[in-house]
């Protein structure tokens, strides 16, 4: 009898608990309560513009609820600058494609990478630049190599989380930590001094800056871009 009742109870629970799946480009009730903000509504480029420009070029499109780059779109940045935060987003790269997420960006006559730290986006299997361990997907580009196997194949969605608190950065790709560093540390400064970034005096110097998405000439898509600003 007890076994029979347990089976009925299980059936009732199974029938009445709905299958819940998160919608793209939305915030959950819990995220809203915590203070998360959507940086992409899935319909417009509100809150974004081209680097050193006012609007968004035609090379960027809103396509099927994604922020999609085709070609000659130029780098994008947020209108707003951010200090400490948790940033989440999903990206999907085309076969042989390359792109990136930039942090701490300040506008100048120089390209976006003269100030911004980059989390690499790339097709590890087909892009030649991915032959370098510090240039694969999830890397702090040119400075820190991630664990092998953190990224998914071209054409599949990857999930990013970036935590920035002061000069402390933590990169996660598909829940794997791919970089953890402090820009004010001697270890970081040594890495910069041994890289191409040493020639750019303002690289990684700004604690408050724009968030950027790179036009590297290839097709790439983004969705579910959201941020939680942290108290300093």
C-alpha atoms as a PDB file:
ATOM      1  CA  UNK A   1       0.000   0.000   0.000  1.00  0.00           C
ATOM      2  CA  UNK A   2       2.784   2.450   0.891  1.00  0.00           C
ATOM      3  CA  UNK A   3       4.597   1.614  -2.335  1.00  0.00           C
ATOM      4  CA  UNK A   4       1.407   2.250  -4.308  1.00  0.00           C
ATOM      5  CA  UNK A   5       0.856   5.646  -2.655  1.00  0.00           C
ATOM      6  CA  UNK A   6       4.468   6.649  -3.334  1.00  0.00           C
ATOM      7  CA  UNK A   7       3.948   5.894  -7.016  1.00  0.00           C
ATOM      8  CA  UNK A   8       0.817   8.047  -7.128  1.00  0.00           C
ATOM      9  CA  UNK A   9       2.591  10.910  -5.353  1.00  0.00           C
ATOM     10  CA  UNK A  10       5.491  10.712  -7.810  1.00  0.00           C
ATOM     11  CA  UNK A  11       3.055  10.776 -10.742  1.00  0.00           C
ATOM     12  CA  UNK A  12       1.245  13.829  -9.366  1.00  0.00           C
ATOM     13  CA  UNK A  13       4.515  15.716  -8.883  1.00  0.00           C
ATOM     14  CA  UNK A  14       5.719  14.769 -12.357  1.00  0.00           C
ATOM     15  CA  UNK A  15       2.483  15.899 -13.973  1.00  0.00           C
ATOM     16  CA  UNK A  16       2.164  19.245 -12.198  1.00  0.00           C
ATOM     17  CA  UNK A  17       5.780  20.505 -12.272  1.00  0.00           C
ATOM     18  CA  UNK A  18       6.158  22.332 -15.592  1.00  0.00           C
ATOM     19  CA  UNK A  19       9.272  22.126 -17.723  1.00  0.00           C
ATOM     20  CA  UNK A  20      10.979  25.488 -17.243  1.00  0.00           C
ATOM     21  CA  UNK A  21      13.538  26.841 -19.698  1.00  0.00           C
ATOM     22  CA  UNK A  22      15.072  30.290 -19.556  1.00  0.00           C
ATOM     23  CA  UNK A  23      14.205  32.598 -22.427  1.00  0.00           C
ATOM     24  CA  UNK A  24      16.988  34.333 -24.281  1.00  0.00           C
ATOM     25  CA  UNK A  25      17.782  37.969 -23.530  1.00  0.00           C
ATOM     26  CA  UNK A  26      15.665  38.120 -20.404  1.00  0.00           C
ATOM     27  CA  UNK A  27      16.283  38.353 -16.684  1.00  0.00           C
ATOM     28  CA  UNK A  28      14.878  35.909 -14.177  1.00  0.00           C
ATOM     29  CA  UNK A  29      12.937  37.177 -11.167  1.00  0.00           C
ATOM     30  CA  UNK A  30      15.950  36.373  -8.996  1.00  0.00           C
ATOM     31  CA  UNK A  31      18.330  38.276 -11.304  1.00  0.00           C
ATOM     32  CA  UNK A  32      16.059  41.309 -11.245  1.00  0.00           C
ATOM     33  CA  UNK A  33      15.950  41.167  -7.443  1.00  0.00           C
ATOM     34  CA  UNK A  34      19.748  41.027  -7.255  1.00  0.00           C
ATOM     35  CA  UNK A  35      20.149  43.995  -9.600  1.00  0.00           C
ATOM     36  CA  UNK A  36      21.230  42.420 -12.883  1.00  0.00           C
ATOM     37  CA  UNK A  37      20.809  44.558 -16.001  1.00  0.00           C
ATOM     38  CA  UNK A  38      20.319  43.384 -19.579  1.00  0.00           C
ATOM     39  CA  UNK A  39      22.868  44.852 -21.986  1.00  0.00           C
ATOM     40  CA  UNK A  40      21.058  43.467 -25.028  1.00  0.00           C
ATOM     41  CA  UNK A  41      17.285  43.260 -25.368  1.00  0.00           C
ATOM     42  CA  UNK A  42      17.377  40.900 -28.362  1.00  0.00           C
ATOM     43  CA  UNK A  43      15.714  43.500 -30.589  1.00  0.00           C
ATOM     44  CA  UNK A  44      17.872  46.636 -30.784  1.00  0.00           C
ATOM     45  CA  UNK A  45      21.392  47.954 -30.207  1.00  0.00           C
ATOM     46  CA  UNK A  46      20.184  50.200 -27.411  1.00  0.00           C
ATOM     47  CA  UNK A  47      23.101  50.922 -25.077  1.00  0.00           C
ATOM     48  CA  UNK A  48      25.753  50.142 -27.704  1.00  0.00           C
ATOM     49  CA  UNK A  49      27.657  52.050 -30.372  1.00  0.00           C
ATOM     50  CA  UNK A  50      30.730  51.725 -32.487  1.00  0.00           C
ATOM     51  CA  UNK A  51      34.105  52.540 -30.976  1.00  0.00           C
ATOM     52  CA  UNK A  52      34.810  56.254 -31.572  1.00  0.00           C
ATOM     53  CA  UNK A  53      31.409  56.718 -33.219  1.00  0.00           C
ATOM     54  CA  UNK A  54      27.785  57.487 -32.383  1.00  0.00           C
ATOM     55  CA  UNK A  55      25.787  54.772 -34.143  1.00  0.00           C
ATOM     56  CA  UNK A  56      26.180  51.121 -35.132  1.00  0.00           C
ATOM     57  CA  UNK A  57      27.371  50.220 -38.631  1.00  0.00           C
ATOM     58  CA  UNK A  58      25.425  47.954 -40.946  1.00  0.00           C
ATOM     59  CA  UNK A  59      27.959  45.154 -40.472  1.00  0.00           C
ATOM     60  CA  UNK A  60      26.190  44.435 -37.171  1.00  0.00           C
ATOM     61  CA  UNK A  61      22.625  43.102 -37.290  1.00  0.00           C
ATOM     62  CA  UNK A  62      20.042  41.967 -34.771  1.00  0.00           C
ATOM     63  CA  UNK A  63      19.269  38.516 -36.154  1.00  0.00           C
ATOM     64  CA  UNK A  64      16.935  36.000 -34.517  1.00  0.00           C
ATOM     65  CA  UNK A  65      17.475  37.474 -31.076  1.00  0.00           C
ATOM     66  CA  UNK A  66      21.251  37.687 -31.426  1.00  0.00           C
ATOM     67  CA  UNK A  67      23.718  40.505 -31.895  1.00  0.00           C
ATOM     68  CA  UNK A  68      25.317  39.264 -35.122  1.00  0.00           C
ATOM     69  CA  UNK A  69      28.413  40.547 -36.911  1.00  0.00           C
ATOM     70  CA  UNK A  70      28.820  39.838 -40.620  1.00  0.00           C
ATOM     71  CA  UNK A  71      31.645  42.021 -41.947  1.00  0.00           C
ATOM     72  CA  UNK A  72      33.005  45.576 -41.693  1.00  0.00           C
ATOM     73  CA  UNK A  73      30.912  46.350 -38.624  1.00  0.00           C
ATOM     74  CA  UNK A  74      33.724  47.818 -36.540  1.00  0.00           C
ATOM     75  CA  UNK A  75      34.247  47.200 -32.831  1.00  0.00           C
ATOM     76  CA  UNK A  76      31.258  47.794 -30.549  1.00  0.00           C
ATOM     77  CA  UNK A  77      31.339  49.289 -27.063  1.00  0.00           C
ATOM     78  CA  UNK A  78      28.769  49.936 -24.374  1.00  0.00           C
ATOM     79  CA  UNK A  79      27.650  53.537 -24.036  1.00  0.00           C
ATOM     80  CA  UNK A  80      28.227  53.253 -20.312  1.00  0.00           C
ATOM     81  CA  UNK A  81      31.530  52.629 -18.540  1.00  0.00           C
ATOM     82  CA  UNK A  82      31.719  50.057 -15.742  1.00  0.00           C
ATOM     83  CA  UNK A  83      33.926  49.569 -12.704  1.00  0.00           C
ATOM     84  CA  UNK A  84      33.395  46.381 -10.698  1.00  0.00           C
ATOM     85  CA  UNK A  85      30.970  43.852 -12.121  1.00  0.00           C
ATOM     86  CA  UNK A  86      29.965  40.344 -13.086  1.00  0.00           C
ATOM     87  CA  UNK A  87      29.407  40.067 -16.836  1.00  0.00           C
ATOM     88  CA  UNK A  88      27.663  37.142 -18.505  1.00  0.00           C
ATOM     89  CA  UNK A  89      27.073  36.470 -22.188  1.00  0.00           C
ATOM     90  CA  UNK A  90      26.845  33.714 -24.780  1.00  0.00           C
ATOM     91  CA  UNK A  91      28.857  33.682 -27.989  1.00  0.00           C
ATOM     92  CA  UNK A  92      28.949  31.568 -31.144  1.00  0.00           C
ATOM     93  CA  UNK A  93      31.811  31.840 -33.623  1.00  0.00           C
ATOM     94  CA  UNK A  94      31.762  30.894 -37.306  1.00  0.00           C
ATOM     95  CA  UNK A  95      34.096  28.222 -38.716  1.00  0.00           C
ATOM     96  CA  UNK A  96      37.599  29.654 -38.769  1.00  0.00           C
ATOM     97  CA  UNK A  97      36.377  32.813 -37.045  1.00  0.00           C
ATOM     98  CA  UNK A  98      37.975  35.165 -34.525  1.00  0.00           C
ATOM     99  CA  UNK A  99      36.593  37.841 -32.176  1.00  0.00           C
ATOM    100  CA  UNK A 100      36.944  39.003 -28.587  1.00  0.00           C
ATOM    101  CA  UNK A 101      35.456  40.649 -25.501  1.00  0.00           C
ATOM    102  CA  UNK A 102      37.249  43.766 -24.267  1.00  0.00           C
ATOM    103  CA  UNK A 103      37.241  45.179 -20.742  1.00  0.00           C
ATOM    104  CA  UNK A 104      38.381  48.517 -19.343  1.00  0.00           C
ATOM    105  CA  UNK A 105      38.196  50.221 -22.737  1.00  0.00           C
ATOM    106  CA  UNK A 106      38.852  53.931 -23.091  1.00  0.00           C
ATOM    107  CA  UNK A 107      38.413  55.692 -26.414  1.00  0.00           C
ATOM    108  CA  UNK A 108      41.381  57.340 -28.088  1.00  0.00           C
ATOM    109  CA  UNK A 109      42.893  57.677 -31.538  1.00  0.00           C
ATOM    110  CA  UNK A 110      44.376  54.219 -30.996  1.00  0.00           C
ATOM    111  CA  UNK A 111      42.536  50.890 -31.596  1.00  0.00           C
ATOM    112  CA  UNK A 112      40.392  49.350 -28.878  1.00  0.00           C
ATOM    113  CA  UNK A 113      43.092  46.864 -27.833  1.00  0.00           C
ATOM    114  CA  UNK A 114      45.493  49.634 -26.824  1.00  0.00           C
ATOM    115  CA  UNK A 115      43.570  49.980 -23.558  1.00  0.00           C
ATOM    116  CA  UNK A 116      41.218  46.999 -23.280  1.00  0.00           C
ATOM    117  CA  UNK A 117      42.069  43.589 -21.855  1.00  0.00           C
ATOM    118  CA  UNK A 118      40.721  40.869 -24.153  1.00  0.00           C
ATOM    119  CA  UNK A 119      39.013  37.566 -23.469  1.00  0.00           C
ATOM    120  CA  UNK A 120      39.603  35.662 -26.681  1.00  0.00           C
ATOM    121  CA  UNK A 121      36.865  34.272 -28.923  1.00  0.00           C
ATOM    122  CA  UNK A 122      38.094  31.969 -31.686  1.00  0.00           C
ATOM    123  CA  UNK A 123      37.529  28.708 -33.526  1.00  0.00           C
ATOM    124  CA  UNK A 124      40.335  26.684 -31.950  1.00  0.00           C
ATOM    125  CA  UNK A 125      40.113  23.985 -34.594  1.00  0.00           C
ATOM    126  CA  UNK A 126      40.345  26.074 -37.742  1.00  0.00           C
ATOM    127  CA  UNK A 127      41.863  29.512 -37.048  1.00  0.00           C
ATOM    128  CA  UNK A 128      45.685  29.591 -37.347  1.00  0.00           C
ATOM    129  CA  UNK A 129      46.072  32.018 -34.442  1.00  0.00           C
ATOM    130  CA  UNK A 130      44.764  29.314 -32.107  1.00  0.00           C
ATOM    131  CA  UNK A 131      48.050  27.446 -32.568  1.00  0.00           C
ATOM    132  CA  UNK A 132      49.381  29.748 -29.833  1.00  0.00           C
ATOM    133  CA  UNK A 133      48.376  28.561 -26.345  1.00  0.00           C
ATOM    134  CA  UNK A 134      47.664  32.115 -25.126  1.00  0.00           C
ATOM    135  CA  UNK A 135      45.469  32.875 -28.137  1.00  0.00           C
ATOM    136  CA  UNK A 136      42.851  30.122 -27.807  1.00  0.00           C
ATOM    137  CA  UNK A 137      39.228  30.644 -26.790  1.00  0.00           C
ATOM    138  CA  UNK A 138      38.841  31.800 -23.199  1.00  0.00           C
ATOM    139  CA  UNK A 139      42.402  33.094 -22.904  1.00  0.00           C
ATOM    140  CA  UNK A 140      43.319  36.498 -21.580  1.00  0.00           C
ATOM    141  CA  UNK A 141      44.704  37.185 -25.020  1.00  0.00           C
ATOM    142  CA  UNK A 142      48.466  37.042 -25.270  1.00  0.00           C
ATOM    143  CA  UNK A 143      48.971  36.794 -21.512  1.00  0.00           C
ATOM    144  CA  UNK A 144      47.319  33.750 -19.903  1.00  0.00           C
ATOM    145  CA  UNK A 145      46.533  30.395 -21.495  1.00  0.00           C
ATOM    146  CA  UNK A 146      43.347  28.592 -20.428  1.00  0.00           C
ATOM    147  CA  UNK A 147      42.911  24.893 -19.637  1.00  0.00           C
ATOM    148  CA  UNK A 148      42.598  22.678 -22.704  1.00  0.00           C
ATOM    149  CA  UNK A 149      39.061  21.854 -23.802  1.00  0.00           C
ATOM    150  CA  UNK A 150      37.161  24.734 -22.212  1.00  0.00           C
ATOM    151  CA  UNK A 151      35.510  25.895 -25.444  1.00  0.00           C
ATOM    152  CA  UNK A 152      32.915  24.286 -27.699  1.00  0.00           C
ATOM    153  CA  UNK A 153      33.129  23.807 -31.454  1.00  0.00           C
ATOM    154  CA  UNK A 154      32.463  26.515 -34.027  1.00  0.00           C
ATOM    155  CA  UNK A 155      28.721  26.952 -34.504  1.00  0.00           C
ATOM    156  CA  UNK A 156      27.934  26.047 -30.870  1.00  0.00           C
ATOM    157  CA  UNK A 157      27.044  28.463 -28.083  1.00  0.00           C
ATOM    158  CA  UNK A 158      29.629  29.148 -25.373  1.00  0.00           C
ATOM    159  CA  UNK A 159      28.809  30.699 -21.999  1.00  0.00           C
ATOM    160  CA  UNK A 160      31.058  33.400 -20.518  1.00  0.00           C
ATOM    161  CA  UNK A 161      31.277  34.809 -17.027  1.00  0.00           C
ATOM    162  CA  UNK A 162      33.758  37.555 -16.176  1.00  0.00           C
ATOM    163  CA  UNK A 163      34.177  38.829 -12.630  1.00  0.00           C
ATOM    164  CA  UNK A 164      36.041  42.111 -12.112  1.00  0.00           C
ATOM    165  CA  UNK A 165      36.697  43.510  -8.626  1.00  0.00           C
ATOM    166  CA  UNK A 166      39.240  46.307  -8.523  1.00  0.00           C
ATOM    167  CA  UNK A 167      42.288  45.059 -10.422  1.00  0.00           C
ATOM    168  CA  UNK A 168      41.256  41.413  -9.969  1.00  0.00           C
ATOM    169  CA  UNK A 169      39.867  39.655 -13.057  1.00  0.00           C
ATOM    170  CA  UNK A 170      38.477  36.130 -13.312  1.00  0.00           C
ATOM    171  CA  UNK A 171      37.455  34.616 -16.652  1.00  0.00           C
ATOM    172  CA  UNK A 172      35.138  31.597 -16.968  1.00  0.00           C
ATOM    173  CA  UNK A 173      34.188  29.785 -20.173  1.00  0.00           C
ATOM    174  CA  UNK A 174      31.504  27.116 -19.981  1.00  0.00           C
ATOM    175  CA  UNK A 175      31.999  27.115 -16.171  1.00  0.00           C
ATOM    176  CA  UNK A 176      35.748  26.475 -16.508  1.00  0.00           C
ATOM    177  CA  UNK A 177      38.033  29.142 -15.027  1.00  0.00           C
ATOM    178  CA  UNK A 178      40.348  30.215 -17.851  1.00  0.00           C
ATOM    179  CA  UNK A 179      42.207  33.147 -16.268  1.00  0.00           C
ATOM    180  CA  UNK A 180      42.697  34.700 -12.825  1.00  0.00           C
ATOM    181  CA  UNK A 181      44.971  37.716 -12.432  1.00  0.00           C
ATOM    182  CA  UNK A 182      45.517  41.140 -10.909  1.00  0.00           C
ATOM    183  CA  UNK A 183      46.593  43.927 -13.229  1.00  0.00           C
ATOM    184  CA  UNK A 184      48.435  45.660 -10.397  1.00  0.00           C
ATOM    185  CA  UNK A 185      50.549  42.641  -9.533  1.00  0.00           C
ATOM    186  CA  UNK A 186      54.214  42.272 -10.429  1.00  0.00           C
ATOM    187  CA  UNK A 187      53.411  38.949 -12.102  1.00  0.00           C
ATOM    188  CA  UNK A 188      50.962  40.641 -14.482  1.00  0.00           C
ATOM    189  CA  UNK A 189      53.353  43.508 -15.200  1.00  0.00           C
ATOM    190  CA  UNK A 190      56.094  41.027 -16.098  1.00  0.00           C
ATOM    191  CA  UNK A 191      53.810  39.272 -18.532  1.00  0.00           C
ATOM    192  CA  UNK A 192      52.869  42.565 -20.170  1.00  0.00           C
ATOM    193  CA  UNK A 193      56.554  43.566 -20.389  1.00  0.00           C
ATOM    194  CA  UNK A 194      57.285  40.316 -22.230  1.00  0.00           C
ATOM    195  CA  UNK A 195      54.393  40.785 -24.696  1.00  0.00           C
ATOM    196  CA  UNK A 196      53.434  43.080 -27.545  1.00  0.00           C
ATOM    197  CA  UNK A 197      51.360  45.105 -25.068  1.00  0.00           C
ATOM    198  CA  UNK A 198      54.480  46.648 -23.548  1.00  0.00           C
ATOM    199  CA  UNK A 199      54.502  49.304 -26.277  1.00  0.00           C
ATOM    200  CA  UNK A 200      51.047  50.608 -25.320  1.00  0.00           C
ATOM    201  CA  UNK A 201      51.335  52.744 -22.193  1.00  0.00           C
ATOM    202  CA  UNK A 202      47.597  52.742 -21.401  1.00  0.00           C
ATOM    203  CA  UNK A 203      47.018  49.007 -21.776  1.00  0.00           C
ATOM    204  CA  UNK A 204      45.112  47.538 -18.784  1.00  0.00           C
ATOM    205  CA  UNK A 205      45.495  50.784 -16.858  1.00  0.00           C
ATOM    206  CA  UNK A 206      41.834  51.789 -16.419  1.00  0.00           C
ATOM    207  CA  UNK A 207      39.725  50.434 -13.559  1.00  0.00           C
ATOM    208  CA  UNK A 208      36.604  51.943 -15.120  1.00  0.00           C
ATOM    209  CA  UNK A 209      35.889  51.576 -18.818  1.00  0.00           C
ATOM    210  CA  UNK A 210      33.628  50.435 -21.624  1.00  0.00           C
ATOM    211  CA  UNK A 211      32.914  46.803 -22.455  1.00  0.00           C
ATOM    212  CA  UNK A 212      33.665  45.996 -26.082  1.00  0.00           C
ATOM    213  CA  UNK A 213      32.901  43.339 -28.701  1.00  0.00           C
ATOM    214  CA  UNK A 214      35.425  42.906 -31.478  1.00  0.00           C
ATOM    215  CA  UNK A 215      35.091  43.011 -35.242  1.00  0.00           C
ATOM    216  CA  UNK A 216      37.945  40.770 -36.360  1.00  0.00           C
ATOM    217  CA  UNK A 217      36.465  40.432 -39.835  1.00  0.00           C
ATOM    218  CA  UNK A 218      34.539  37.222 -39.145  1.00  0.00           C
ATOM    219  CA  UNK A 219      30.967  36.225 -38.386  1.00  0.00           C
ATOM    220  CA  UNK A 220      30.163  35.989 -34.693  1.00  0.00           C
ATOM    221  CA  UNK A 221      26.962  36.125 -32.652  1.00  0.00           C
ATOM    222  CA  UNK A 222      26.191  37.208 -29.084  1.00  0.00           C
ATOM    223  CA  UNK A 223      23.120  36.870 -26.860  1.00  0.00           C
ATOM    224  CA  UNK A 224      22.098  36.911 -23.187  1.00  0.00           C
ATOM    225  CA  UNK A 225      24.453  39.799 -22.432  1.00  0.00           C
ATOM    226  CA  UNK A 226      23.849  40.907 -18.846  1.00  0.00           C
ATOM    227  CA  UNK A 227      25.769  42.636 -16.072  1.00  0.00           C
ATOM    228  CA  UNK A 228      25.642  42.932 -12.312  1.00  0.00           C
ATOM    229  CA  UNK A 229      27.467  45.989 -11.015  1.00  0.00           C
ATOM    230  CA  UNK A 230      29.253  45.362  -7.724  1.00  0.00           C
ATOM    231  CA  UNK A 231      29.720  47.756  -4.851  1.00  0.00           C
ATOM    232  CA  UNK A 232      33.247  49.128  -4.762  1.00  0.00           C
END
